[in-house]
Amino acid sequence: MDLNTILPGINPFFFIALMIWSLFWKSLAAWRAAKGKQRYWFMAILLINTMGILDIIYLVRFSKDKMGIKDFKSKNFLP
């Protein structure tokens, strides 16, 4: 089965890059929600797929250990 038969008109490399992008942000946000004992955020992050948008909003705004620009520059992703 080919990816073009499942999703016609979508570049497979774009789709794979989007999956990697989403997986990175989802895993980072879920990790922080679990470490911060934020059960409802953890469930929402796992169940709602927004291609990383909800995950980034959580990390920057609602996480107990908020991420800032300096965390991204220093690659300090995990608490």
N, C-alpha and C. Protein backbone atom coordinates (compact mmCIF):
# COMPACT_ATOMS: atom_id res chain seq x y z
N MET A 1 0.85 -1.17 0.00
CA MET A 1 0.00 0.00 0.00
C MET A 1 0.90 1.24 0.00
N ASP A 2 0.59 2.14 -0.88
CA ASP A 2 1.38 3.35 -1.08
C ASP A 2 0.70 4.51 -0.36
N LEU A 3 1.50 5.46 0.14
CA LEU A 3 0.95 6.61 0.84
C LEU A 3 0.11 7.48 -0.09
N ASN A 4 0.46 7.52 -1.38
CA ASN A 4 -0.31 8.32 -2.32
C ASN A 4 -1.70 7.75 -2.56
N THR A 5 -1.90 6.46 -2.36
CA THR A 5 -3.24 5.90 -2.49
C THR A 5 -4.09 6.23 -1.27
N ILE A 6 -3.46 6.38 -0.12
CA ILE A 6 -4.20 6.73 1.10
C ILE A 6 -4.52 8.22 1.12
N LEU A 7 -3.53 9.04 0.84
CA LEU A 7 -3.68 10.50 0.86
C LEU A 7 -3.27 11.07 -0.50
N PRO A 8 -4.14 11.05 -1.49
CA PRO A 8 -3.76 11.54 -2.81
C PRO A 8 -3.53 13.06 -2.80
N GLY A 9 -2.51 13.48 -3.50
CA GLY A 9 -2.21 14.90 -3.61
C GLY A 9 -1.34 15.46 -2.50
N ILE A 10 -0.92 14.65 -1.56
CA ILE A 10 -0.07 15.12 -0.47
C ILE A 10 1.32 14.52 -0.65
N ASN A 11 2.32 15.37 -0.59
CA ASN A 11 3.70 14.93 -0.71
C ASN A 11 4.06 14.04 0.49
N PRO A 12 4.54 12.82 0.27
CA PRO A 12 4.85 11.93 1.38
C PRO A 12 5.92 12.49 2.32
N PHE A 13 6.89 13.24 1.79
CA PHE A 13 7.93 13.81 2.64
C PHE A 13 7.36 14.88 3.57
N PHE A 14 6.41 15.66 3.06
CA PHE A 14 5.74 16.66 3.90
C PHE A 14 4.95 15.97 5.01
N PHE A 15 4.26 14.90 4.67
CA PHE A 15 3.46 14.16 5.65
C PHE A 15 4.35 13.56 6.74
N ILE A 16 5.47 12.99 6.36
CA ILE A 16 6.39 12.40 7.34
C ILE A 16 7.01 13.49 8.22
N ALA A 17 7.37 14.62 7.62
CA ALA A 17 7.92 15.73 8.41
C ALA A 17 6.89 16.26 9.39
N LEU A 18 5.63 16.33 8.97
CA LEU A 18 4.57 16.78 9.86
C LEU A 18 4.35 15.80 11.01
N MET A 19 4.47 14.52 10.73
CA MET A 19 4.34 13.50 11.78
C MET A 19 5.48 13.61 12.79
N ILE A 20 6.70 13.82 12.31
CA ILE A 20 7.86 13.97 13.21
C ILE A 20 7.71 15.23 14.06
N TRP A 21 7.30 16.34 13.44
CA TRP A 21 7.06 17.60 14.16
C TRP A 21 6.04 17.38 15.28
N SER A 22 4.92 16.76 14.96
CA SER A 22 3.86 16.53 15.93
C SER A 22 4.32 15.59 17.05
N LEU A 23 5.03 14.54 16.70
CA LEU A 23 5.51 13.59 17.70
C LEU A 23 6.48 14.25 18.67
N PHE A 24 7.37 15.11 18.16
CA PHE A 24 8.32 15.79 19.03
C PHE A 24 7.60 16.65 20.07
N TRP A 25 6.68 17.52 19.62
CA TRP A 25 6.00 18.42 20.55
C TRP A 25 5.06 17.68 21.48
N LYS A 26 4.38 16.65 20.97
CA LYS A 26 3.46 15.88 21.80
C LYS A 26 4.21 15.14 22.91
N SER A 27 5.33 14.53 22.58
CA SER A 27 6.09 13.81 23.60
C SER A 27 6.69 14.76 24.63
N LEU A 28 7.17 15.91 24.20
CA LEU A 28 7.73 16.88 25.13
C LEU A 28 6.66 17.42 26.07
N ALA A 29 5.51 17.77 25.53
CA ALA A 29 4.43 18.30 26.36
C ALA A 29 3.87 17.23 27.30
N ALA A 30 3.72 16.01 26.81
CA ALA A 30 3.21 14.93 27.67
C ALA A 30 4.19 14.64 28.79
N TRP A 31 5.47 14.66 28.50
CA TRP A 31 6.49 14.43 29.52
C TRP A 31 6.39 15.49 30.63
N ARG A 32 6.30 16.75 30.23
CA ARG A 32 6.23 17.82 31.22
C ARG A 32 4.93 17.78 32.01
N ALA A 33 3.82 17.42 31.37
CA ALA A 33 2.55 17.33 32.08
C ALA A 33 2.60 16.19 33.10
N ALA A 34 3.21 15.08 32.72
CA ALA A 34 3.32 13.95 33.65
C ALA A 34 4.24 14.30 34.82
N LYS A 35 5.37 14.94 34.55
CA LYS A 35 6.29 15.31 35.63
C LYS A 35 5.69 16.36 36.55
N GLY A 36 4.82 17.23 36.00
CA GLY A 36 4.18 18.26 36.80
C GLY A 36 2.89 17.81 37.46
N LYS A 37 2.56 16.51 37.29
CA LYS A 37 1.34 15.93 37.88
C LYS A 37 0.09 16.69 37.43
N GLN A 38 0.05 17.07 36.16
CA GLN A 38 -1.12 17.73 35.58
C GLN A 38 -1.86 16.70 34.73
N ARG A 39 -2.68 15.91 35.40
CA ARG A 39 -3.35 14.75 34.80
C ARG A 39 -4.25 15.13 33.64
N TYR A 40 -5.03 16.19 33.76
CA TYR A 40 -5.98 16.56 32.71
C TYR A 40 -5.26 17.08 31.46
N TRP A 41 -4.19 17.82 31.67
CA TRP A 41 -3.40 18.27 30.52
C TRP A 41 -2.75 17.07 29.82
N PHE A 42 -2.28 16.12 30.60
CA PHE A 42 -1.66 14.93 30.03
C PHE A 42 -2.65 14.19 29.14
N MET A 43 -3.87 13.99 29.62
CA MET A 43 -4.89 13.29 28.83
C MET A 43 -5.27 14.08 27.59
N ALA A 44 -5.41 15.40 27.72
CA ALA A 44 -5.77 16.23 26.57
C ALA A 44 -4.68 16.18 25.51
N ILE A 45 -3.43 16.23 25.93
CA ILE A 45 -2.32 16.20 24.99
C ILE A 45 -2.27 14.87 24.25
N LEU A 46 -2.55 13.78 24.96
CA LEU A 46 -2.53 12.47 24.31
C LEU A 46 -3.71 12.27 23.36
N LEU A 47 -4.88 12.78 23.71
CA LEU A 47 -6.08 12.48 22.94
C LEU A 47 -6.37 13.46 21.81
N ILE A 48 -5.97 14.72 21.95
CA ILE A 48 -6.27 15.74 20.95
C ILE A 48 -5.06 15.95 20.06
N ASN A 49 -5.24 15.75 18.77
CA ASN A 49 -4.14 15.92 17.83
C ASN A 49 -4.31 17.24 17.08
N THR A 50 -3.44 18.21 17.38
CA THR A 50 -3.51 19.52 16.74
C THR A 50 -2.21 19.85 16.01
N MET A 51 -1.46 18.84 15.65
CA MET A 51 -0.18 19.00 14.94
C MET A 51 0.80 19.88 15.72
N GLY A 52 0.78 19.77 17.02
CA GLY A 52 1.75 20.46 17.86
C GLY A 52 1.30 21.79 18.42
N ILE A 53 0.17 22.32 17.97
CA ILE A 53 -0.26 23.64 18.41
C ILE A 53 -0.65 23.62 19.89
N LEU A 54 -1.52 22.69 20.30
CA LEU A 54 -1.92 22.59 21.70
C LEU A 54 -0.71 22.29 22.59
N ASP A 55 0.19 21.48 22.09
CA ASP A 55 1.37 21.10 22.87
C ASP A 55 2.27 22.31 23.13
N ILE A 56 2.48 23.13 22.12
CA ILE A 56 3.32 24.33 22.28
C ILE A 56 2.65 25.33 23.21
N ILE A 57 1.32 25.49 23.07
CA ILE A 57 0.60 26.41 23.96
C ILE A 57 0.73 25.94 25.40
N TYR A 58 0.59 24.64 25.63
CA TYR A 58 0.75 24.12 26.99
C TYR A 58 2.15 24.40 27.53
N LEU A 59 3.17 24.12 26.73
CA LEU A 59 4.54 24.28 27.20
C LEU A 59 4.88 25.73 27.54
N VAL A 60 4.36 26.66 26.77
CA VAL A 60 4.72 28.06 26.96
C VAL A 60 3.84 28.75 27.99
N ARG A 61 2.57 28.34 28.09
CA ARG A 61 1.63 29.09 28.92
C ARG A 61 1.16 28.36 30.19
N PHE A 62 0.83 27.08 30.11
CA PHE A 62 0.14 26.41 31.20
C PHE A 62 0.98 25.43 32.00
N SER A 63 2.16 25.11 31.55
CA SER A 63 3.01 24.16 32.25
C SER A 63 3.48 24.76 33.57
N LYS A 64 3.62 23.91 34.60
CA LYS A 64 4.14 24.39 35.87
C LYS A 64 5.57 24.89 35.72
N ASP A 65 6.33 24.25 34.85
CA ASP A 65 7.71 24.66 34.55
C ASP A 65 7.72 25.19 33.11
N LYS A 66 7.31 26.45 32.94
CA LYS A 66 7.13 27.03 31.61
C LYS A 66 8.45 27.08 30.83
N MET A 67 8.33 26.90 29.53
CA MET A 67 9.50 26.99 28.66
C MET A 67 9.57 28.40 28.08
N GLY A 68 10.77 28.90 27.94
CA GLY A 68 10.98 30.21 27.35
C GLY A 68 11.95 30.12 26.19
N ILE A 69 12.24 31.24 25.61
CA ILE A 69 13.16 31.29 24.47
C ILE A 69 14.55 30.80 24.88
N LYS A 70 14.99 31.14 26.08
CA LYS A 70 16.32 30.71 26.51
C LYS A 70 16.41 29.19 26.64
N ASP A 71 15.29 28.52 26.99
CA ASP A 71 15.28 27.06 27.05
C ASP A 71 15.48 26.45 25.66
N PHE A 72 14.85 27.07 24.66
CA PHE A 72 15.01 26.57 23.29
C PHE A 72 16.44 26.80 22.77
N LYS A 73 16.99 27.96 23.09
CA LYS A 73 18.34 28.27 22.63
C LYS A 73 19.39 27.38 23.29
N SER A 74 19.18 27.07 24.57
CA SER A 74 20.15 26.21 25.28
C SER A 74 19.81 24.74 25.16
N LYS A 75 18.72 24.42 24.42
CA LYS A 75 18.26 23.04 24.22
C LYS A 75 17.98 22.35 25.54
N ASN A 76 17.43 23.11 26.48
CA ASN A 76 17.06 22.59 27.78
C ASN A 76 15.58 22.23 27.75
N PHE A 77 15.25 21.12 27.11
CA PHE A 77 13.85 20.74 26.89
C PHE A 77 13.22 20.04 28.08
N LEU A 78 13.97 19.21 28.76
CA LEU A 78 13.41 18.43 29.85
C LEU A 78 13.63 19.14 31.18
N PRO A 79 12.64 19.04 32.09
CA PRO A 79 12.78 19.74 33.38
C PRO A 79 13.82 19.08 34.26
